[in-house]
PDB file of N, CA and C in Angstrom:
ATOM      1  N   MET A   1      98.416  82.006 100.762  1.00  0.00           N
ATOM      2  CA  MET A   1      97.601  82.859 101.439  1.00  0.00           C
ATOM      3  C   MET A   1      98.348  83.558 102.693  1.00  0.00           C
ATOM      4  N   ALA A   2      97.986  84.819 102.986  1.00  0.00           N
ATOM      5  CA  ALA A   2      98.647  85.480 103.955  1.00  0.00           C
ATOM      6  C   ALA A   2      98.060  84.997 105.382  1.00  0.00           C
ATOM      7  N   THR A   3      99.125  84.964 106.236  1.00  0.00           N
ATOM      8  CA  THR A   3      98.681  84.598 107.721  1.00  0.00           C
ATOM      9  C   THR A   3      98.072  85.836 108.391  1.00  0.00           C
ATOM     10  N   PRO A   4      97.113  85.623 109.239  1.00  0.00           N
ATOM     11  CA  PRO A   4      96.412  86.844 109.952  1.00  0.00           C
ATOM     12  C   PRO A   4      97.575  87.855 110.461  1.00  0.00           C
ATOM     13  N   THR A   5      98.780  87.410 110.954  1.00  0.00           N
ATOM     14  CA  THR A   5      99.673  88.601 111.384  1.00  0.00           C
ATOM     15  C   THR A   5     100.239  89.288 110.371  1.00  0.00           C
ATOM     16  N   SER A   6     100.198  88.855 108.971  1.00  0.00           N
ATOM     17  CA  SER A   6     100.821  89.646 107.975  1.00  0.00           C
ATOM     18  C   SER A   6      99.839  90.371 107.196  1.00  0.00           C
ATOM     19  N   ILE A   7      98.622  90.542 107.645  1.00  0.00           N
ATOM     20  CA  ILE A   7      97.614  91.298 106.939  1.00  0.00           C
ATOM     21  C   ILE A   7      97.631  92.738 107.351  1.00  0.00           C
ATOM     22  N   LYS A   8      97.654  93.597 106.397  1.00  0.00           N
ATOM     23  CA  LYS A   8      97.768  95.063 106.622  1.00  0.00           C
ATOM     24  C   LYS A   8      96.253  95.605 106.245  1.00  0.00           C
ATOM     25  N   ARG A   9      95.600  96.241 107.146  1.00  0.00           N
ATOM     26  CA  ARG A   9      94.387  96.812 106.871  1.00  0.00           C
ATOM     27  C   ARG A   9      94.660  98.325 106.306  1.00  0.00           C
ATOM     28  N   VAL A  10      94.158  98.562 105.088  1.00  0.00           N
ATOM     29  CA  VAL A  10      94.309  99.886 104.528  1.00  0.00           C
ATOM     30  C   VAL A  10      93.029 100.491 104.060  1.00  0.00           C
ATOM     31  N   THR A  11      93.037 101.870 103.963  1.00  0.00           N
ATOM     32  CA  THR A  11      91.836 102.475 103.315  1.00  0.00           C
ATOM     33  C   THR A  11      92.360 103.313 102.134  1.00  0.00           C
ATOM     34  N   PHE A  12      91.813 103.170 100.947  1.00  0.00           N
ATOM     35  CA  PHE A  12      92.246 103.956  99.753  1.00  0.00           C
ATOM     36  C   PHE A  12      91.067 104.197  98.856  1.00  0.00           C
ATOM     37  N   ASN A  13      91.190 104.988  97.945  1.00  0.00           N
ATOM     38  CA  ASN A  13      90.151 105.186  96.910  1.00  0.00           C
ATOM     39  C   ASN A  13      90.730 104.395  95.689  1.00  0.00           C
ATOM     40  N   ALA A  14      89.689 103.621  95.012  1.00  0.00           N
ATOM     41  CA  ALA A  14      89.965 102.882  93.724  1.00  0.00           C
ATOM     42  C   ALA A  14      88.936 103.160  92.666  1.00  0.00           C
ATOM     43  N   ASP A  15      89.553 103.272  91.531  1.00  0.00           N
ATOM     44  CA  ASP A  15      88.725 103.489  90.332  1.00  0.00           C
ATOM     45  C   ASP A  15      87.687 102.297  90.294  1.00  0.00           C
ATOM     46  N   ALA A  16      86.407 102.536  90.357  1.00  0.00           N
ATOM     47  CA  ALA A  16      85.257 101.445  90.477  1.00  0.00           C
ATOM     48  C   ALA A  16      85.235 100.723  89.221  1.00  0.00           C
ATOM     49  N   ALA A  17      85.472 101.417  88.046  1.00  0.00           N
ATOM     50  CA  ALA A  17      85.313 100.599  86.668  1.00  0.00           C
ATOM     51  C   ALA A  17      86.533  99.681  86.663  1.00  0.00           C
ATOM     52  N   LEU A  18      87.756 100.274  86.967  1.00  0.00           N
ATOM     53  CA  LEU A  18      88.869  99.360  86.859  1.00  0.00           C
ATOM     54  C   LEU A  18      88.836  98.248  87.824  1.00  0.00           C
ATOM     55  N   LEU A  19      88.393  98.520  89.040  1.00  0.00           N
ATOM     56  CA  LEU A  19      88.160  97.436  89.895  1.00  0.00           C
ATOM     57  C   LEU A  19      87.236  96.409  89.385  1.00  0.00           C
ATOM     58  N   ALA A  20      86.195  96.811  88.847  1.00  0.00           N
ATOM     59  CA  ALA A  20      85.341  95.706  88.383  1.00  0.00           C
ATOM     60  C   ALA A  20      85.902  95.026  87.080  1.00  0.00           C
ATOM     61  N   GLU A  21      86.676  95.690  86.440  1.00  0.00           N
ATOM     62  CA  GLU A  21      87.383  95.094  85.269  1.00  0.00           C
ATOM     63  C   GLU A  21      88.402  94.004  85.739  1.00  0.00           C
ATOM     64  N   ALA A  22      89.233  94.474  86.716  1.00  0.00           N
ATOM     65  CA  ALA A  22      90.161  93.567  87.301  1.00  0.00           C
ATOM     66  C   ALA A  22      89.559  92.300  87.955  1.00  0.00           C
ATOM     67  N   ARG A  23      88.384  92.581  88.638  1.00  0.00           N
ATOM     68  CA  ARG A  23      87.621  91.565  89.328  1.00  0.00           C
ATOM     69  C   ARG A  23      87.097  90.340  88.223  1.00  0.00           C
ATOM     70  N   GLU A  24      86.658  90.914  87.118  1.00  0.00           N
ATOM     71  CA  GLU A  24      86.304  90.030  86.032  1.00  0.00           C
ATOM     72  C   GLU A  24      87.517  89.149  85.469  1.00  0.00           C
ATOM     73  N   ALA A  25      88.632  90.005  85.270  1.00  0.00           N
ATOM     74  CA  ALA A  25      89.707  89.415  84.642  1.00  0.00           C
ATOM     75  C   ALA A  25      90.475  88.411  85.460  1.00  0.00           C
ATOM     76  N   LEU A  26      90.385  88.662  86.793  1.00  0.00           N
ATOM     77  CA  LEU A  26      90.917  87.690  87.702  1.00  0.00           C
ATOM     78  C   LEU A  26      90.052  86.684  88.381  1.00  0.00           C
ATOM     79  N   GLY A  27      88.900  86.729  88.058  1.00  0.00           N
ATOM     80  CA  GLY A  27      87.760  85.867  88.519  1.00  0.00           C
ATOM     81  C   GLY A  27      87.576  85.831  89.983  1.00  0.00           C
ATOM     82  N   THR A  28      87.658  86.996  90.589  1.00  0.00           N
ATOM     83  CA  THR A  28      87.483  87.138  92.155  1.00  0.00           C
ATOM     84  C   THR A  28      86.099  87.748  92.365  1.00  0.00           C
ATOM     85  N   SER A  29      85.593  87.570  93.550  1.00  0.00           N
ATOM     86  CA  SER A  29      84.190  88.141  93.796  1.00  0.00           C
ATOM     87  C   SER A  29      84.310  89.329  94.856  1.00  0.00           C
ATOM     88  N   THR A  30      85.401  89.482  95.500  1.00  0.00           N
ATOM     89  CA  THR A  30      85.299  90.626  96.486  1.00  0.00           C
ATOM     90  C   THR A  30      86.516  91.493  96.188  1.00  0.00           C
ATOM     91  N   THR A  31      86.464  92.749  96.742  1.00  0.00           N
ATOM     92  CA  THR A  31      87.351  93.761  96.488  1.00  0.00           C
ATOM     93  C   THR A  31      88.723  93.370  96.970  1.00  0.00           C
ATOM     94  N   THR A  32      88.680  92.780  98.307  1.00  0.00           N
ATOM     95  CA  THR A  32      89.902  92.337  98.916  1.00  0.00           C
ATOM     96  C   THR A  32      90.554  91.176  98.093  1.00  0.00           C
ATOM     97  N   ASP A  33      89.785  90.177  97.720  1.00  0.00           N
ATOM     98  CA  ASP A  33      90.288  89.162  96.825  1.00  0.00           C
ATOM     99  C   ASP A  33      91.033  89.561  95.565  1.00  0.00           C
ATOM    100  N   THR A  34      90.289  90.656  94.959  1.00  0.00           N
ATOM    101  CA  THR A  34      90.566  91.245  93.713  1.00  0.00           C
ATOM    102  C   THR A  34      92.020  91.981  93.855  1.00  0.00           C
ATOM    103  N   ILE A  35      92.262  92.750  94.854  1.00  0.00           N
ATOM    104  CA  ILE A  35      93.359  93.469  95.196  1.00  0.00           C
ATOM    105  C   ILE A  35      94.527  92.406  95.512  1.00  0.00           C
ATOM    106  N   ASN A  36      94.252  91.546  96.313  1.00  0.00           N
ATOM    107  CA  ASN A  36      95.340  90.508  96.695  1.00  0.00           C
ATOM    108  C   ASN A  36      95.724  89.809  95.497  1.00  0.00           C
ATOM    109  N   ALA A  37      94.839  89.303  94.621  1.00  0.00           N
ATOM    110  CA  ALA A  37      95.099  88.557  93.278  1.00  0.00           C
ATOM    111  C   ALA A  37      95.992  89.546  92.416  1.00  0.00           C
ATOM    112  N   ALA A  38      95.552  90.755  92.345  1.00  0.00           N
ATOM    113  CA  ALA A  38      96.303  91.670  91.381  1.00  0.00           C
ATOM    114  C   ALA A  38      97.651  91.727  91.910  1.00  0.00           C
ATOM    115  N   LEU A  39      97.893  92.125  93.327  1.00  0.00           N
ATOM    116  CA  LEU A  39      99.197  92.250  93.838  1.00  0.00           C
ATOM    117  C   LEU A  39     100.062  90.964  93.601  1.00  0.00           C
ATOM    118  N   ALA A  40      99.518  89.771  93.771  1.00  0.00           N
ATOM    119  CA  ALA A  40     100.150  88.471  93.503  1.00  0.00           C
ATOM    120  C   ALA A  40     100.543  88.337  92.073  1.00  0.00           C
ATOM    121  N   GLU A  41      99.676  88.805  91.176  1.00  0.00           N
ATOM    122  CA  GLU A  41      99.991  88.653  89.677  1.00  0.00           C
ATOM    123  C   GLU A  41     101.147  89.754  89.470  1.00  0.00           C
ATOM    124  N   ILE A  42     101.243  90.909  89.983  1.00  0.00           N
ATOM    125  CA  ILE A  42     102.343  91.762  89.745  1.00  0.00           C
ATOM    126  C   ILE A  42     103.651  91.234  90.257  1.00  0.00           C
ATOM    127  N   VAL A  43     103.604  90.614  91.470  1.00  0.00           N
ATOM    128  CA  VAL A  43     104.846  90.112  91.997  1.00  0.00           C
ATOM    129  C   VAL A  43     105.303  88.769  91.067  1.00  0.00           C
ATOM    130  N   ARG A  44     104.363  88.021  90.697  1.00  0.00           N
ATOM    131  CA  ARG A  44     104.731  86.776  89.827  1.00  0.00           C
ATOM    132  C   ARG A  44     105.295  87.326  88.775  1.00  0.00           C
ATOM    133  N   GLN A  45     104.772  88.340  87.832  1.00  0.00           N
ATOM    134  CA  GLN A  45     105.267  88.818  86.715  1.00  0.00           C
ATOM    135  C   GLN A  45     106.799  89.368  86.999  1.00  0.00           C
ATOM    136  N   LYS A  46     106.995  90.022  88.144  1.00  0.00           N
ATOM    137  CA  LYS A  46     108.329  90.498  88.332  1.00  0.00           C
ATOM    138  C   LYS A  46     109.263  89.470  88.411  1.00  0.00           C
ATOM    139  N   ARG A  47     108.910  88.391  89.236  1.00  0.00           N
ATOM    140  CA  ARG A  47     109.668  87.253  89.490  1.00  0.00           C
ATOM    141  C   ARG A  47     110.092  86.588  88.067  1.00  0.00           C
ATOM    142  N   ILE A  48     109.110  86.423  87.324  1.00  0.00           N
ATOM    143  CA  ILE A  48     109.308  85.822  85.942  1.00  0.00           C
ATOM    144  C   ILE A  48     110.358  86.682  85.169  1.00  0.00           C
ATOM    145  N   THR A  49     110.134  87.776  85.190  1.00  0.00           N
ATOM    146  CA  THR A  49     111.092  88.773  84.446  1.00  0.00           C
ATOM    147  C   THR A  49     112.368  88.738  84.827  1.00  0.00           C
ATOM    148  N   ALA A  50     112.558  88.589  86.241  1.00  0.00           N
ATOM    149  CA  ALA A  50     113.921  88.507  86.916  1.00  0.00           C
ATOM    150  C   ALA A  50     114.561  87.060  86.563  1.00  0.00           C
ATOM    151  N   PHE A  51     113.676  86.042  86.569  1.00  0.00           N
ATOM    152  CA  PHE A  51     114.117  84.741  86.043  1.00  0.00           C
ATOM    153  C   PHE A  51     114.641  84.706  84.741  1.00  0.00           C
ATOM    154  N   LEU A  52     113.970  85.380  83.820  1.00  0.00           N
ATOM    155  CA  LEU A  52     114.170  85.359  82.377  1.00  0.00           C
ATOM    156  C   LEU A  52     115.467  86.138  82.140  1.00  0.00           C
ATOM    157  N   ALA A  53     115.912  86.923  83.040  1.00  0.00           N
ATOM    158  CA  ALA A  53     117.014  87.837  82.830  1.00  0.00           C
ATOM    159  C   ALA A  53     118.455  87.093  83.140  1.00  0.00           C
ATOM    160  N   VAL A  54     118.144  85.892  83.864  1.00  0.00           N
ATOM    161  CA  VAL A  54     119.394  85.188  84.410  1.00  0.00           C
ATOM    162  C   VAL A  54     120.079  84.707  83.160  1.00  0.00           C
ATOM    163  N   ASP A  55     121.308  84.899  83.041  1.00  0.00           N
ATOM    164  CA  ASP A  55     122.188  84.336  82.038  1.00  0.00           C
ATOM    165  C   ASP A  55     122.483  82.954  82.190  1.00  0.00           C
ATOM    166  N   LEU A  56     121.925  82.079  81.390  1.00  0.00           N
ATOM    167  CA  LEU A  56     122.204  80.586  81.495  1.00  0.00           C
ATOM    168  C   LEU A  56     122.920  80.073  80.413  1.00  0.00           C
ATOM    169  N   SER A  57     123.689  80.959  79.664  1.00  0.00           N
ATOM    170  CA  SER A  57     124.360  80.560  78.464  1.00  0.00           C
ATOM    171  C   SER A  57     125.461  79.568  78.641  1.00  0.00           C
ATOM    172  N   ASP A  58     126.050  79.484  79.883  1.00  0.00           N
ATOM    173  CA  ASP A  58     127.074  78.596  80.224  1.00  0.00           C
ATOM    174  C   ASP A  58     126.524  77.191  80.828  1.00  0.00           C
ATOM    175  N   LEU A  59     125.264  77.042  80.879  1.00  0.00           N
ATOM    176  CA  LEU A  59     124.523  75.833  81.298  1.00  0.00           C
ATOM    177  C   LEU A  59     124.509  74.718  80.276  1.00  0.00           C
ATOM    178  N   THR A  60     125.401  73.784  80.308  1.00  0.00           N
ATOM    179  CA  THR A  60     125.498  72.744  79.274  1.00  0.00           C
ATOM    180  C   THR A  60     124.888  71.595  79.953  1.00  0.00           C
ATOM    181  N   PRO A  61     124.713  70.525  79.049  1.00  0.00           N
ATOM    182  CA  PRO A  61     124.156  69.272  79.331  1.00  0.00           C
ATOM    183  C   PRO A  61     125.088  68.525  80.484  1.00  0.00           C
ATOM    184  N   GLU A  62     126.207  68.699  80.279  1.00  0.00           N
ATOM    185  CA  GLU A  62     127.121  68.148  81.352  1.00  0.00           C
ATOM    186  C   GLU A  62     126.969  68.683  82.748  1.00  0.00           C
ATOM    187  N   ILE A  63     126.878  70.095  82.825  1.00  0.00           N
ATOM    188  CA  ILE A  63     126.649  70.802  84.084  1.00  0.00           C
ATOM    189  C   ILE A  63     125.223  70.379  84.631  1.00  0.00           C
ATOM    190  N   LEU A  64     124.374  70.275  83.796  1.00  0.00           N
ATOM    191  CA  LEU A  64     123.120  69.828  84.262  1.00  0.00           C
ATOM    192  C   LEU A  64     123.116  68.466  84.747  1.00  0.00           C
ATOM    193  N   ALA A  65     123.631  67.551  84.195  1.00  0.00           N
ATOM    194  CA  ALA A  65     123.832  66.247  84.701  1.00  0.00           C
ATOM    195  C   ALA A  65     124.544  66.131  85.999  1.00  0.00           C
ATOM    196  N   GLU A  66     125.608  67.004  86.144  1.00  0.00           N
ATOM    197  CA  GLU A  66     126.296  67.249  87.427  1.00  0.00           C
ATOM    198  C   GLU A  66     125.280  67.575  88.512  1.00  0.00           C
ATOM    199  N   ILE A  67     124.511  68.497  88.239  1.00  0.00           N
ATOM    200  CA  ILE A  67     123.670  69.094  89.222  1.00  0.00           C
ATOM    201  C   ILE A  67     122.542  67.961  89.581  1.00  0.00           C
ATOM    202  N   ARG A  68     121.975  67.216  88.523  1.00  0.00           N
ATOM    203  CA  ARG A  68     121.004  66.173  88.876  1.00  0.00           C
ATOM    204  C   ARG A  68     121.607  65.176  89.613  1.00  0.00           C
ATOM    205  N   ARG A  69     122.912  64.812  89.557  1.00  0.00           N
ATOM    206  CA  ARG A  69     123.454  63.661  90.113  1.00  0.00           C
ATOM    207  C   ARG A  69     123.269  63.949  91.763  1.00  0.00           C
ATOM    208  N   GLY A  70     123.372  65.085  92.222  1.00  0.00           N
ATOM    209  CA  GLY A  70     123.197  65.323  93.590  1.00  0.00           C
ATOM    210  C   GLY A  70     121.735  65.098  93.986  1.00  0.00           C
ATOM    211  N   ARG A  71     120.860  65.087  93.271  1.00  0.00           N
ATOM    212  CA  ARG A  71     119.320  64.908  93.630  1.00  0.00           C
ATOM    213  C   ARG A  71     118.933  63.543  93.694  1.00  0.00           C
ATOM    214  N   THR A  72     117.852  63.315  94.545  1.00  0.00           N
ATOM    215  CA  THR A  72     117.213  61.955  94.704  1.00  0.00           C
ATOM    216  C   THR A  72     115.777  62.021  94.000  1.00  0.00           C
ATOM    217  N   GLY A  73     115.352  60.893  93.787  1.00  0.00           N
ATOM    218  CA  GLY A  73     113.997  60.871  93.337  1.00  0.00           C
ATOM    219  C   GLY A  73     113.962  60.921  91.739  1.00  0.00           C
ATOM    220  N   ARG A  74     113.057  61.787  91.328  1.00  0.00           N
ATOM    221  CA  ARG A  74     112.779  61.785  89.751  1.00  0.00           C
ATOM    222  C   ARG A  74     113.987  62.126  89.088  1.00  0.00           C
ATOM    223  N   TRP A  75     115.031  63.037  89.432  1.00  0.00           N
ATOM    224  CA  TRP A  75     116.105  63.318  88.830  1.00  0.00           C
ATOM    225  C   TRP A  75     117.244  62.301  88.922  1.00  0.00           C
TER     226      TRP A  75
END
């Protein structure tokens, strides 16, 4: 959730039908919550796409074991 200092107040025109459909799809109840949830979803999808583009072809079980050796707890 955004901190009060990171909130930007804006005014814009939105397609009412599209906003209503987005509200239903996202399970939100207010316009602000709908817009914030939609923005968060766009950023999430961008991050997933970027992660999936990472080349992990050289990541072998041995390399994973070496990475995990440095961790504590579950790994």
